[in-house]
């Protein structure tokens, strides 16, 4: 749904590059949420197939490395979620850097609403990373969904600001 618009003479509108990057970030957030969902499904399946896993008997889940030689589960759930948390944190940091670029509609109500939405996305990403570090994949998935919704709203507001800017010109 992201549309890069050009001004007169074929020059990109102010903030078009930033909007493309926000769109890329949204795509990466979606991929990360998909991986979190798959991890949540795999955890459910492992727990369902081995209901005694809460006792620490399942190889590789108790953090002692008991299953390291098996090859079927070289990483623990915590390791996998920790990897996802690191990627989530890096994506949040990238979003923060993107806010420093020239953005469409700066100083307008639409531009301010877009920035508020992007800040909300950043907050949700931070909470998702925290939940992943704490092993709460379900909560992380909810926060990731919030981040995607906020990013979509920010992009919508930026598009509206760019459209308003074109009309003013």
C-alpha atoms as a PDB file:
ATOM      1  CA  UNK A   1       0.000   0.000   0.000  1.00  0.00           C
ATOM      2  CA  UNK A   2       3.028   2.257   0.186  1.00  0.00           C
ATOM      3  CA  UNK A   3       3.076   4.685  -2.684  1.00  0.00           C
ATOM      4  CA  UNK A   4       6.149   6.755  -3.451  1.00  0.00           C
ATOM      5  CA  UNK A   5       5.058  10.020  -4.962  1.00  0.00           C
ATOM      6  CA  UNK A   6       7.032  12.384  -7.118  1.00  0.00           C
ATOM      7  CA  UNK A   7       6.788  16.133  -7.242  1.00  0.00           C
ATOM      8  CA  UNK A   8       7.084  18.267 -10.323  1.00  0.00           C
ATOM      9  CA  UNK A   9      10.040  17.391 -12.512  1.00  0.00           C
ATOM     10  CA  UNK A  10      10.086  13.786 -11.273  1.00  0.00           C
ATOM     11  CA  UNK A  11      11.847  14.665  -8.016  1.00  0.00           C
ATOM     12  CA  UNK A  12      10.802  12.639  -4.995  1.00  0.00           C
ATOM     13  CA  UNK A  13       8.534  14.396  -2.532  1.00  0.00           C
ATOM     14  CA  UNK A  14      10.123  15.331   0.811  1.00  0.00           C
ATOM     15  CA  UNK A  15      10.127  12.311   3.093  1.00  0.00           C
ATOM     16  CA  UNK A  16       9.472   9.750   0.340  1.00  0.00           C
ATOM     17  CA  UNK A  17      12.645   7.852   1.223  1.00  0.00           C
ATOM     18  CA  UNK A  18      11.689   7.767   4.894  1.00  0.00           C
ATOM     19  CA  UNK A  19       8.249   6.440   4.009  1.00  0.00           C
ATOM     20  CA  UNK A  20       9.835   3.657   1.963  1.00  0.00           C
ATOM     21  CA  UNK A  21      12.035   2.764   4.919  1.00  0.00           C
ATOM     22  CA  UNK A  22       9.039   2.747   7.272  1.00  0.00           C
ATOM     23  CA  UNK A  23       7.342   0.388   4.810  1.00  0.00           C
ATOM     24  CA  UNK A  24      10.406  -1.877   4.852  1.00  0.00           C
ATOM     25  CA  UNK A  25      10.379  -1.817   8.646  1.00  0.00           C
ATOM     26  CA  UNK A  26       6.722  -2.816   8.624  1.00  0.00           C
ATOM     27  CA  UNK A  27       7.573  -5.770   6.373  1.00  0.00           C
ATOM     28  CA  UNK A  28      10.407  -6.848   8.650  1.00  0.00           C
ATOM     29  CA  UNK A  29       8.146  -6.531  11.698  1.00  0.00           C
ATOM     30  CA  UNK A  30       5.626  -8.785   9.955  1.00  0.00           C
ATOM     31  CA  UNK A  31       8.350 -11.367   9.254  1.00  0.00           C
ATOM     32  CA  UNK A  32       9.492 -11.233  12.863  1.00  0.00           C
ATOM     33  CA  UNK A  33       5.917 -11.680  14.087  1.00  0.00           C
ATOM     34  CA  UNK A  34       5.532 -14.662  11.755  1.00  0.00           C
ATOM     35  CA  UNK A  35       8.649 -16.243  13.261  1.00  0.00           C
ATOM     36  CA  UNK A  36       7.399 -15.534  16.777  1.00  0.00           C
ATOM     37  CA  UNK A  37       4.104 -17.200  15.884  1.00  0.00           C
ATOM     38  CA  UNK A  38       5.920 -20.263  14.510  1.00  0.00           C
ATOM     39  CA  UNK A  39       7.998 -20.459  17.685  1.00  0.00           C
ATOM     40  CA  UNK A  40       4.839 -20.256  19.800  1.00  0.00           C
ATOM     41  CA  UNK A  41       3.291 -23.080  17.734  1.00  0.00           C
ATOM     42  CA  UNK A  42       6.409 -25.214  18.099  1.00  0.00           C
ATOM     43  CA  UNK A  43       6.464 -24.657  21.863  1.00  0.00           C
ATOM     44  CA  UNK A  44       2.813 -25.661  22.053  1.00  0.00           C
ATOM     45  CA  UNK A  45       3.447 -28.770  19.960  1.00  0.00           C
ATOM     46  CA  UNK A  46       6.461 -29.777  22.067  1.00  0.00           C
ATOM     47  CA  UNK A  47       4.512 -29.268  25.293  1.00  0.00           C
ATOM     48  CA  UNK A  48       1.497 -31.120  23.928  1.00  0.00           C
ATOM     49  CA  UNK A  49       3.600 -34.091  22.747  1.00  0.00           C
ATOM     50  CA  UNK A  50       5.534 -34.167  26.023  1.00  0.00           C
ATOM     51  CA  UNK A  51       3.229 -33.008  28.819  1.00  0.00           C
ATOM     52  CA  UNK A  52       5.932 -33.748  31.413  1.00  0.00           C
ATOM     53  CA  UNK A  53       8.152 -31.023  29.952  1.00  0.00           C
ATOM     54  CA  UNK A  54       7.447 -28.830  32.961  1.00  0.00           C
ATOM     55  CA  UNK A  55       9.554 -31.183  35.074  1.00  0.00           C
ATOM     56  CA  UNK A  56      12.718 -30.286  33.188  1.00  0.00           C
ATOM     57  CA  UNK A  57      13.000 -33.782  31.744  1.00  0.00           C
ATOM     58  CA  UNK A  58      12.703 -32.726  28.101  1.00  0.00           C
ATOM     59  CA  UNK A  59      16.206 -32.573  26.603  1.00  0.00           C
ATOM     60  CA  UNK A  60      17.503 -29.126  25.847  1.00  0.00           C
ATOM     61  CA  UNK A  61      14.774 -27.222  27.704  1.00  0.00           C
ATOM     62  CA  UNK A  62      16.276 -26.914  31.146  1.00  0.00           C
ATOM     63  CA  UNK A  63      19.245 -24.826  30.038  1.00  0.00           C
ATOM     64  CA  UNK A  64      21.817 -27.372  31.233  1.00  0.00           C
ATOM     65  CA  UNK A  65      22.704 -28.483  27.729  1.00  0.00           C
ATOM     66  CA  UNK A  66      21.384 -31.983  28.346  1.00  0.00           C
ATOM     67  CA  UNK A  67      20.115 -32.232  24.785  1.00  0.00           C
ATOM     68  CA  UNK A  68      23.127 -30.695  23.063  1.00  0.00           C
ATOM     69  CA  UNK A  69      24.350 -34.010  21.660  1.00  0.00           C
ATOM     70  CA  UNK A  70      21.029 -35.017  20.133  1.00  0.00           C
ATOM     71  CA  UNK A  71      20.987 -32.658  17.197  1.00  0.00           C
ATOM     72  CA  UNK A  72      17.177 -32.526  17.155  1.00  0.00           C
ATOM     73  CA  UNK A  73      16.950 -29.499  19.432  1.00  0.00           C
ATOM     74  CA  UNK A  74      20.325 -27.768  19.639  1.00  0.00           C
ATOM     75  CA  UNK A  75      18.779 -24.533  20.937  1.00  0.00           C
ATOM     76  CA  UNK A  76      16.481 -24.160  23.899  1.00  0.00           C
ATOM     77  CA  UNK A  77      13.242 -22.208  23.715  1.00  0.00           C
ATOM     78  CA  UNK A  78      14.957 -19.434  25.659  1.00  0.00           C
ATOM     79  CA  UNK A  79      17.806 -19.323  23.121  1.00  0.00           C
ATOM     80  CA  UNK A  80      15.422 -19.039  20.188  1.00  0.00           C
ATOM     81  CA  UNK A  81      13.318 -16.390  21.897  1.00  0.00           C
ATOM     82  CA  UNK A  82      16.501 -14.560  22.882  1.00  0.00           C
ATOM     83  CA  UNK A  83      17.545 -14.460  19.222  1.00  0.00           C
ATOM     84  CA  UNK A  84      14.131 -13.074  18.280  1.00  0.00           C
ATOM     85  CA  UNK A  85      14.398 -10.503  21.093  1.00  0.00           C
ATOM     86  CA  UNK A  86      17.740  -9.303  19.733  1.00  0.00           C
ATOM     87  CA  UNK A  87      16.299  -8.926  16.257  1.00  0.00           C
ATOM     88  CA  UNK A  88      13.259  -7.106  17.664  1.00  0.00           C
ATOM     89  CA  UNK A  89      15.512  -4.722  19.553  1.00  0.00           C
ATOM     90  CA  UNK A  90      17.581  -4.036  16.421  1.00  0.00           C
ATOM     91  CA  UNK A  91      14.409  -3.327  14.433  1.00  0.00           C
ATOM     92  CA  UNK A  92      13.201  -0.925  17.138  1.00  0.00           C
ATOM     93  CA  UNK A  93      16.528   0.892  17.037  1.00  0.00           C
ATOM     94  CA  UNK A  94      16.308   1.147  13.257  1.00  0.00           C
ATOM     95  CA  UNK A  95      12.823   2.654  13.575  1.00  0.00           C
ATOM     96  CA  UNK A  96      14.197   5.221  16.011  1.00  0.00           C
ATOM     97  CA  UNK A  97      16.877   6.231  13.494  1.00  0.00           C
ATOM     98  CA  UNK A  98      14.308   6.512  10.714  1.00  0.00           C
ATOM     99  CA  UNK A  99      12.459   9.163  12.709  1.00  0.00           C
ATOM    100  CA  UNK A 100      15.473  11.467  12.374  1.00  0.00           C
ATOM    101  CA  UNK A 101      15.102  11.744   8.590  1.00  0.00           C
ATOM    102  CA  UNK A 102      13.113  14.451   6.816  1.00  0.00           C
ATOM    103  CA  UNK A 103       9.498  13.354   7.071  1.00  0.00           C
ATOM    104  CA  UNK A 104       6.434  14.452   5.133  1.00  0.00           C
ATOM    105  CA  UNK A 105       4.164  16.914   6.895  1.00  0.00           C
ATOM    106  CA  UNK A 106       6.550  17.921   9.648  1.00  0.00           C
ATOM    107  CA  UNK A 107       4.779  20.411  11.889  1.00  0.00           C
ATOM    108  CA  UNK A 108       1.306  19.634  10.483  1.00  0.00           C
ATOM    109  CA  UNK A 109      -1.449  17.810  12.370  1.00  0.00           C
ATOM    110  CA  UNK A 110      -1.060  14.816  10.015  1.00  0.00           C
ATOM    111  CA  UNK A 111       2.712  14.764  10.461  1.00  0.00           C
ATOM    112  CA  UNK A 112       2.378  14.995  14.241  1.00  0.00           C
ATOM    113  CA  UNK A 113      -0.194  12.169  14.251  1.00  0.00           C
ATOM    114  CA  UNK A 114       2.181  10.072  12.138  1.00  0.00           C
ATOM    115  CA  UNK A 115       5.048  10.662  14.560  1.00  0.00           C
ATOM    116  CA  UNK A 116       2.810   9.752  17.495  1.00  0.00           C
ATOM    117  CA  UNK A 117       1.914   6.489  15.756  1.00  0.00           C
ATOM    118  CA  UNK A 118       5.575   5.727  15.022  1.00  0.00           C
ATOM    119  CA  UNK A 119       6.455   6.389  18.668  1.00  0.00           C
ATOM    120  CA  UNK A 120       3.648   4.006  19.671  1.00  0.00           C
ATOM    121  CA  UNK A 121       5.137   1.388  17.334  1.00  0.00           C
ATOM    122  CA  UNK A 122       8.537   1.889  18.946  1.00  0.00           C
ATOM    123  CA  UNK A 123       7.037   1.422  22.420  1.00  0.00           C
ATOM    124  CA  UNK A 124       5.242  -1.770  21.325  1.00  0.00           C
ATOM    125  CA  UNK A 125       8.475  -3.103  19.778  1.00  0.00           C
ATOM    126  CA  UNK A 126      10.304  -2.445  23.040  1.00  0.00           C
ATOM    127  CA  UNK A 127       7.625  -4.332  24.981  1.00  0.00           C
ATOM    128  CA  UNK A 128       7.760  -7.188  22.453  1.00  0.00           C
ATOM    129  CA  UNK A 129      11.530  -7.494  22.907  1.00  0.00           C
ATOM    130  CA  UNK A 130      11.082  -7.534  26.700  1.00  0.00           C
ATOM    131  CA  UNK A 131       8.405 -10.245  26.449  1.00  0.00           C
ATOM    132  CA  UNK A 132      10.632 -12.347  24.191  1.00  0.00           C
ATOM    133  CA  UNK A 133      13.552 -12.037  26.630  1.00  0.00           C
ATOM    134  CA  UNK A 134      11.208 -13.172  29.410  1.00  0.00           C
ATOM    135  CA  UNK A 135      10.047 -16.188  27.380  1.00  0.00           C
ATOM    136  CA  UNK A 136       6.526 -14.842  26.832  1.00  0.00           C
ATOM    137  CA  UNK A 137       6.042 -15.525  23.116  1.00  0.00           C
ATOM    138  CA  UNK A 138       2.264 -15.000  23.235  1.00  0.00           C
ATOM    139  CA  UNK A 139       2.580 -11.549  24.816  1.00  0.00           C
ATOM    140  CA  UNK A 140       5.385 -10.685  22.384  1.00  0.00           C
ATOM    141  CA  UNK A 141       3.153 -11.598  19.469  1.00  0.00           C
ATOM    142  CA  UNK A 142       0.431  -9.274  20.799  1.00  0.00           C
ATOM    143  CA  UNK A 143       2.912  -6.394  21.146  1.00  0.00           C
ATOM    144  CA  UNK A 144       4.270  -7.094  17.647  1.00  0.00           C
ATOM    145  CA  UNK A 145       0.718  -6.851  16.279  1.00  0.00           C
ATOM    146  CA  UNK A 146       0.338  -3.507  18.055  1.00  0.00           C
ATOM    147  CA  UNK A 147       3.601  -2.322  16.501  1.00  0.00           C
ATOM    148  CA  UNK A 148       2.408  -3.287  13.014  1.00  0.00           C
ATOM    149  CA  UNK A 149      -0.918  -1.519  13.523  1.00  0.00           C
ATOM    150  CA  UNK A 150       0.855   1.618  14.730  1.00  0.00           C
ATOM    151  CA  UNK A 151       3.297   1.505  11.800  1.00  0.00           C
ATOM    152  CA  UNK A 152       0.393   1.194   9.361  1.00  0.00           C
ATOM    153  CA  UNK A 153      -1.323   4.165  10.998  1.00  0.00           C
ATOM    154  CA  UNK A 154       1.897   6.179  10.846  1.00  0.00           C
ATOM    155  CA  UNK A 155       2.290   5.394   7.156  1.00  0.00           C
ATOM    156  CA  UNK A 156      -1.335   6.320   6.525  1.00  0.00           C
ATOM    157  CA  UNK A 157      -0.845   9.660   8.293  1.00  0.00           C
ATOM    158  CA  UNK A 158       2.409  10.327   6.419  1.00  0.00           C
ATOM    159  CA  UNK A 159       0.625   9.578   3.133  1.00  0.00           C
ATOM    160  CA  UNK A 160      -2.110  12.013   4.118  1.00  0.00           C
ATOM    161  CA  UNK A 161       0.511  14.647   5.008  1.00  0.00           C
ATOM    162  CA  UNK A 162       2.240  14.123   1.657  1.00  0.00           C
ATOM    163  CA  UNK A 163      -1.078  14.378  -0.167  1.00  0.00           C
ATOM    164  CA  UNK A 164      -1.847  17.612   1.704  1.00  0.00           C
ATOM    165  CA  UNK A 165       1.628  18.937   0.848  1.00  0.00           C
ATOM    166  CA  UNK A 166       1.037  18.195  -2.853  1.00  0.00           C
ATOM    167  CA  UNK A 167      -2.324  19.976  -2.715  1.00  0.00           C
ATOM    168  CA  UNK A 168      -0.714  23.004  -1.075  1.00  0.00           C
ATOM    169  CA  UNK A 169       1.906  23.178  -3.799  1.00  0.00           C
END
